[in-house]
């Protein structure tokens, strides 16, 4: 048996075990991340993208209304769902 395949199966089984536990622990958490503006504000949302993620349009606080394409922003999330996310400031966390 190939050692790499065996290790992958082992890692997959570990992930299957830990994934629900991690999701449960993070469900009630508050977290934040930086992202880049890819489309300016329209219809109450700004479109952003994190590295290696798809674009997503999120609501924003009024002070972010004029964020330009390419600007780094900070996104605040309640729980584990991006439906509970809002763009709260520019990408420098000291401004929160």
N, C-alpha and C. Protein backbone atom coordinates (compact mmCIF):
# COMPACT_ATOMS: atom_id res chain seq x y z
N UNK A 1 0.84 -1.18 0.00
CA UNK A 1 0.00 0.00 0.00
C UNK A 1 0.89 1.25 0.00
N UNK A 2 0.51 2.25 -0.74
CA UNK A 2 1.23 3.51 -0.83
C UNK A 2 1.09 4.28 0.48
N UNK A 3 2.23 4.69 1.06
CA UNK A 3 2.21 5.40 2.34
C UNK A 3 1.46 6.73 2.24
N UNK A 4 1.57 7.42 1.11
CA UNK A 4 0.87 8.70 0.94
C UNK A 4 -0.64 8.50 0.93
N UNK A 5 -1.11 7.47 0.26
CA UNK A 5 -2.54 7.19 0.24
C UNK A 5 -3.04 6.83 1.64
N UNK A 6 -2.26 6.05 2.35
CA UNK A 6 -2.64 5.66 3.71
C UNK A 6 -2.70 6.89 4.61
N UNK A 7 -1.72 7.77 4.49
CA UNK A 7 -1.72 8.99 5.30
C UNK A 7 -2.91 9.87 4.96
N UNK A 8 -3.25 9.97 3.66
CA UNK A 8 -4.40 10.78 3.27
C UNK A 8 -5.69 10.21 3.84
N UNK A 9 -5.86 8.91 3.80
CA UNK A 9 -7.06 8.29 4.38
C UNK A 9 -7.14 8.57 5.87
N UNK A 10 -6.00 8.49 6.54
CA UNK A 10 -5.95 8.77 7.97
C UNK A 10 -6.33 10.23 8.25
N UNK A 11 -5.76 11.16 7.46
CA UNK A 11 -6.07 12.58 7.63
C UNK A 11 -7.54 12.86 7.36
N UNK A 12 -8.10 12.21 6.33
CA UNK A 12 -9.53 12.38 6.03
C UNK A 12 -10.40 11.89 7.17
N UNK A 13 -10.05 10.78 7.77
CA UNK A 13 -10.83 10.26 8.91
C UNK A 13 -10.73 11.20 10.11
N UNK A 14 -9.53 11.74 10.34
CA UNK A 14 -9.38 12.71 11.43
C UNK A 14 -10.24 13.94 11.18
N UNK A 15 -10.21 14.45 9.95
CA UNK A 15 -11.01 15.62 9.63
C UNK A 15 -12.50 15.33 9.80
N UNK A 16 -12.96 14.17 9.35
CA UNK A 16 -14.37 13.80 9.53
C UNK A 16 -14.75 13.79 11.00
N UNK A 17 -13.83 13.40 11.86
CA UNK A 17 -14.08 13.37 13.30
C UNK A 17 -14.10 14.78 13.89
N UNK A 18 -13.10 15.60 13.53
CA UNK A 18 -12.96 16.90 14.16
C UNK A 18 -13.83 18.00 13.56
N UNK A 19 -14.19 17.91 12.30
CA UNK A 19 -14.94 18.98 11.64
C UNK A 19 -16.23 19.36 12.37
N UNK A 20 -17.11 18.40 12.75
CA UNK A 20 -18.32 18.80 13.46
C UNK A 20 -18.02 19.46 14.80
N UNK A 21 -16.98 19.02 15.46
CA UNK A 21 -16.61 19.60 16.76
C UNK A 21 -16.13 21.04 16.58
N UNK A 22 -15.33 21.29 15.56
CA UNK A 22 -14.84 22.64 15.29
C UNK A 22 -16.00 23.55 14.90
N UNK A 23 -16.89 23.05 14.05
CA UNK A 23 -18.05 23.85 13.65
C UNK A 23 -18.91 24.21 14.85
N UNK A 24 -19.10 23.28 15.75
CA UNK A 24 -19.91 23.54 16.95
C UNK A 24 -19.25 24.59 17.83
N UNK A 25 -17.94 24.49 17.99
CA UNK A 25 -17.22 25.45 18.84
C UNK A 25 -17.22 26.85 18.23
N UNK A 26 -17.16 26.95 16.92
CA UNK A 26 -17.08 28.27 16.29
C UNK A 26 -18.46 28.85 15.99
N UNK A 27 -19.49 28.09 16.15
CA UNK A 27 -20.84 28.57 15.82
C UNK A 27 -21.21 29.82 16.60
N UNK A 28 -20.81 29.91 17.84
CA UNK A 28 -21.19 31.06 18.66
C UNK A 28 -20.07 32.07 18.81
N UNK A 29 -19.03 31.93 18.04
CA UNK A 29 -17.89 32.84 18.17
C UNK A 29 -18.07 34.12 17.38
N UNK A 30 -17.24 35.06 17.72
CA UNK A 30 -17.11 36.31 17.00
C UNK A 30 -15.72 36.30 16.39
N UNK A 31 -15.62 36.58 15.11
CA UNK A 31 -14.31 36.60 14.47
C UNK A 31 -14.28 37.67 13.40
N UNK A 32 -13.10 37.94 12.89
CA UNK A 32 -12.93 38.96 11.87
C UNK A 32 -11.80 38.56 10.93
N UNK A 33 -11.80 39.18 9.77
CA UNK A 33 -10.73 38.94 8.80
C UNK A 33 -10.59 40.15 7.90
N UNK A 34 -9.47 40.22 7.19
CA UNK A 34 -9.24 41.27 6.21
C UNK A 34 -9.57 40.74 4.83
N UNK A 35 -10.05 41.64 3.99
CA UNK A 35 -10.36 41.29 2.60
C UNK A 35 -10.16 42.51 1.73
N UNK A 36 -10.19 42.31 0.43
CA UNK A 36 -9.99 43.41 -0.51
C UNK A 36 -11.29 43.71 -1.23
N UNK A 37 -11.58 44.99 -1.37
CA UNK A 37 -12.78 45.43 -2.10
C UNK A 37 -12.58 45.15 -3.58
N UNK A 38 -13.55 44.46 -4.18
CA UNK A 38 -13.48 44.17 -5.61
C UNK A 38 -14.55 44.94 -6.39
N UNK A 39 -15.60 45.41 -5.70
CA UNK A 39 -16.63 46.26 -6.32
C UNK A 39 -17.12 47.24 -5.28
N UNK A 40 -17.28 48.47 -5.68
CA UNK A 40 -17.70 49.52 -4.75
C UNK A 40 -19.14 49.30 -4.29
N UNK A 41 -19.54 50.08 -3.31
CA UNK A 41 -20.87 49.96 -2.71
C UNK A 41 -21.98 50.12 -3.74
N UNK A 42 -22.93 49.22 -3.67
CA UNK A 42 -24.13 49.27 -4.51
C UNK A 42 -25.23 48.49 -3.81
N UNK A 43 -26.41 49.08 -3.74
CA UNK A 43 -27.56 48.41 -3.12
C UNK A 43 -27.28 47.98 -1.68
N UNK A 44 -26.51 48.79 -0.95
CA UNK A 44 -26.26 48.51 0.47
C UNK A 44 -25.20 47.47 0.74
N UNK A 45 -24.45 47.06 -0.30
CA UNK A 45 -23.41 46.04 -0.10
C UNK A 45 -22.14 46.41 -0.86
N UNK A 46 -21.01 45.96 -0.31
CA UNK A 46 -19.71 46.09 -0.97
C UNK A 46 -19.25 44.67 -1.27
N UNK A 47 -18.70 44.47 -2.45
CA UNK A 47 -18.19 43.15 -2.82
C UNK A 47 -16.72 43.07 -2.46
N UNK A 48 -16.37 41.99 -1.75
CA UNK A 48 -15.00 41.80 -1.28
C UNK A 48 -14.52 40.40 -1.66
N UNK A 49 -13.22 40.20 -1.47
CA UNK A 49 -12.66 38.86 -1.71
C UNK A 49 -11.44 38.68 -0.82
N UNK A 50 -11.38 37.52 -0.18
CA UNK A 50 -10.18 37.10 0.53
C UNK A 50 -9.36 36.25 -0.42
N UNK A 51 -8.08 36.18 -0.15
CA UNK A 51 -7.23 35.33 -0.99
C UNK A 51 -7.78 33.91 -1.01
N UNK A 52 -7.87 33.32 -2.17
CA UNK A 52 -8.30 31.94 -2.39
C UNK A 52 -9.80 31.71 -2.14
N UNK A 53 -10.57 32.76 -1.91
CA UNK A 53 -12.02 32.64 -1.72
C UNK A 53 -12.74 33.29 -2.89
N UNK A 54 -14.02 33.01 -2.97
CA UNK A 54 -14.86 33.65 -3.98
C UNK A 54 -15.27 35.03 -3.49
N UNK A 55 -15.69 35.87 -4.42
CA UNK A 55 -16.21 37.19 -4.05
C UNK A 55 -17.51 37.01 -3.28
N UNK A 56 -17.75 37.96 -2.38
CA UNK A 56 -19.00 37.97 -1.64
C UNK A 56 -19.40 39.42 -1.39
N UNK A 57 -20.68 39.71 -1.54
CA UNK A 57 -21.20 41.05 -1.29
C UNK A 57 -21.74 41.09 0.14
N UNK A 58 -21.27 42.06 0.91
CA UNK A 58 -21.66 42.16 2.32
C UNK A 58 -22.14 43.56 2.66
N UNK A 59 -23.02 43.67 3.65
CA UNK A 59 -23.41 45.00 4.13
C UNK A 59 -22.21 45.67 4.81
N UNK A 60 -22.32 46.96 5.03
CA UNK A 60 -21.20 47.71 5.59
C UNK A 60 -21.71 48.83 6.47
N UNK A 61 -20.84 49.31 7.36
CA UNK A 61 -21.17 50.48 8.17
C UNK A 61 -21.05 51.71 7.29
N UNK A 62 -21.76 52.76 7.62
CA UNK A 62 -21.85 53.93 6.76
C UNK A 62 -20.49 54.56 6.45
N UNK A 63 -19.54 54.48 7.36
CA UNK A 63 -18.23 55.09 7.12
C UNK A 63 -17.45 54.38 6.01
N UNK A 64 -17.88 53.20 5.60
CA UNK A 64 -17.19 52.44 4.55
C UNK A 64 -17.82 52.63 3.17
N UNK A 65 -18.84 53.45 3.08
CA UNK A 65 -19.59 53.61 1.84
C UNK A 65 -18.71 53.99 0.64
N UNK A 66 -17.65 54.73 0.88
CA UNK A 66 -16.80 55.19 -0.23
C UNK A 66 -15.53 54.36 -0.38
N UNK A 67 -15.50 53.16 0.14
CA UNK A 67 -14.32 52.29 0.00
C UNK A 67 -14.08 52.00 -1.48
N UNK A 68 -12.86 52.23 -1.91
CA UNK A 68 -12.51 52.07 -3.33
C UNK A 68 -12.08 50.65 -3.62
N UNK A 69 -12.20 50.25 -4.88
CA UNK A 69 -11.70 48.95 -5.32
C UNK A 69 -10.22 48.88 -4.99
N UNK A 70 -9.81 47.75 -4.41
CA UNK A 70 -8.42 47.55 -4.02
C UNK A 70 -8.15 47.86 -2.56
N UNK A 71 -9.08 48.55 -1.91
CA UNK A 71 -8.93 48.88 -0.50
C UNK A 71 -9.03 47.63 0.37
N UNK A 72 -8.20 47.55 1.39
CA UNK A 72 -8.29 46.47 2.36
C UNK A 72 -9.32 46.87 3.42
N UNK A 73 -10.23 45.96 3.75
CA UNK A 73 -11.26 46.22 4.75
C UNK A 73 -11.25 45.12 5.80
N UNK A 74 -11.86 45.41 6.93
CA UNK A 74 -12.02 44.44 8.00
C UNK A 74 -13.48 44.01 8.04
N UNK A 75 -13.70 42.70 8.06
CA UNK A 75 -15.04 42.13 8.10
C UNK A 75 -15.26 41.49 9.47
N UNK A 76 -16.35 41.82 10.10
CA UNK A 76 -16.72 41.31 11.43
C UNK A 76 -17.82 40.27 11.23
N UNK A 77 -17.66 39.09 11.86
CA UNK A 77 -18.62 38.00 11.68
C UNK A 77 -19.08 37.48 13.04
N UNK A 78 -20.37 37.32 13.19
CA UNK A 78 -20.94 36.70 14.39
C UNK A 78 -21.29 35.26 14.05
N UNK A 79 -20.70 34.31 14.76
CA UNK A 79 -20.96 32.90 14.49
C UNK A 79 -20.15 32.41 13.31
N UNK A 80 -20.62 31.33 12.69
CA UNK A 80 -19.86 30.71 11.61
C UNK A 80 -20.43 31.01 10.23
N UNK A 81 -21.51 31.76 10.16
CA UNK A 81 -22.17 32.02 8.88
C UNK A 81 -21.83 33.41 8.35
N UNK A 82 -21.48 33.47 7.08
CA UNK A 82 -21.19 34.76 6.46
C UNK A 82 -22.45 35.61 6.29
N UNK A 83 -23.62 35.04 6.54
CA UNK A 83 -24.85 35.84 6.51
C UNK A 83 -24.89 36.78 7.70
N UNK A 84 -24.01 36.57 8.68
CA UNK A 84 -23.92 37.42 9.86
C UNK A 84 -22.66 38.27 9.82
N UNK A 85 -22.22 38.66 8.63
CA UNK A 85 -20.99 39.43 8.47
C UNK A 85 -21.30 40.85 8.03
N UNK A 86 -20.43 41.77 8.45
CA UNK A 86 -20.56 43.17 8.05
C UNK A 86 -19.16 43.77 7.93
N UNK A 87 -18.98 44.63 6.94
CA UNK A 87 -17.71 45.33 6.77
C UNK A 87 -17.72 46.50 7.74
N UNK A 88 -16.73 46.52 8.66
CA UNK A 88 -16.76 47.50 9.74
C UNK A 88 -15.68 48.56 9.67
N UNK A 89 -14.69 48.40 8.85
CA UNK A 89 -13.64 49.41 8.82
C UNK A 89 -12.60 49.10 7.79
N UNK A 90 -11.59 49.97 7.73
CA UNK A 90 -10.52 49.70 6.78
C UNK A 90 -9.67 48.54 7.30
N UNK A 91 -8.70 48.14 6.52
CA UNK A 91 -7.94 46.94 6.83
C UNK A 91 -6.97 47.04 7.97
N UNK A 92 -6.80 48.24 8.58
CA UNK A 92 -5.92 48.36 9.73
C UNK A 92 -6.74 48.16 11.00
N UNK A 93 -6.48 47.11 11.70
CA UNK A 93 -7.29 46.75 12.86
C UNK A 93 -7.23 47.80 13.95
N UNK A 94 -6.21 48.65 13.96
CA UNK A 94 -6.13 49.68 14.98
C UNK A 94 -7.26 50.70 14.84
N UNK A 95 -7.90 50.73 13.69
CA UNK A 95 -9.00 51.68 13.49
C UNK A 95 -10.34 51.14 13.97
N UNK A 96 -10.37 49.93 14.49
CA UNK A 96 -11.65 49.40 14.97
C UNK A 96 -12.01 50.08 16.23
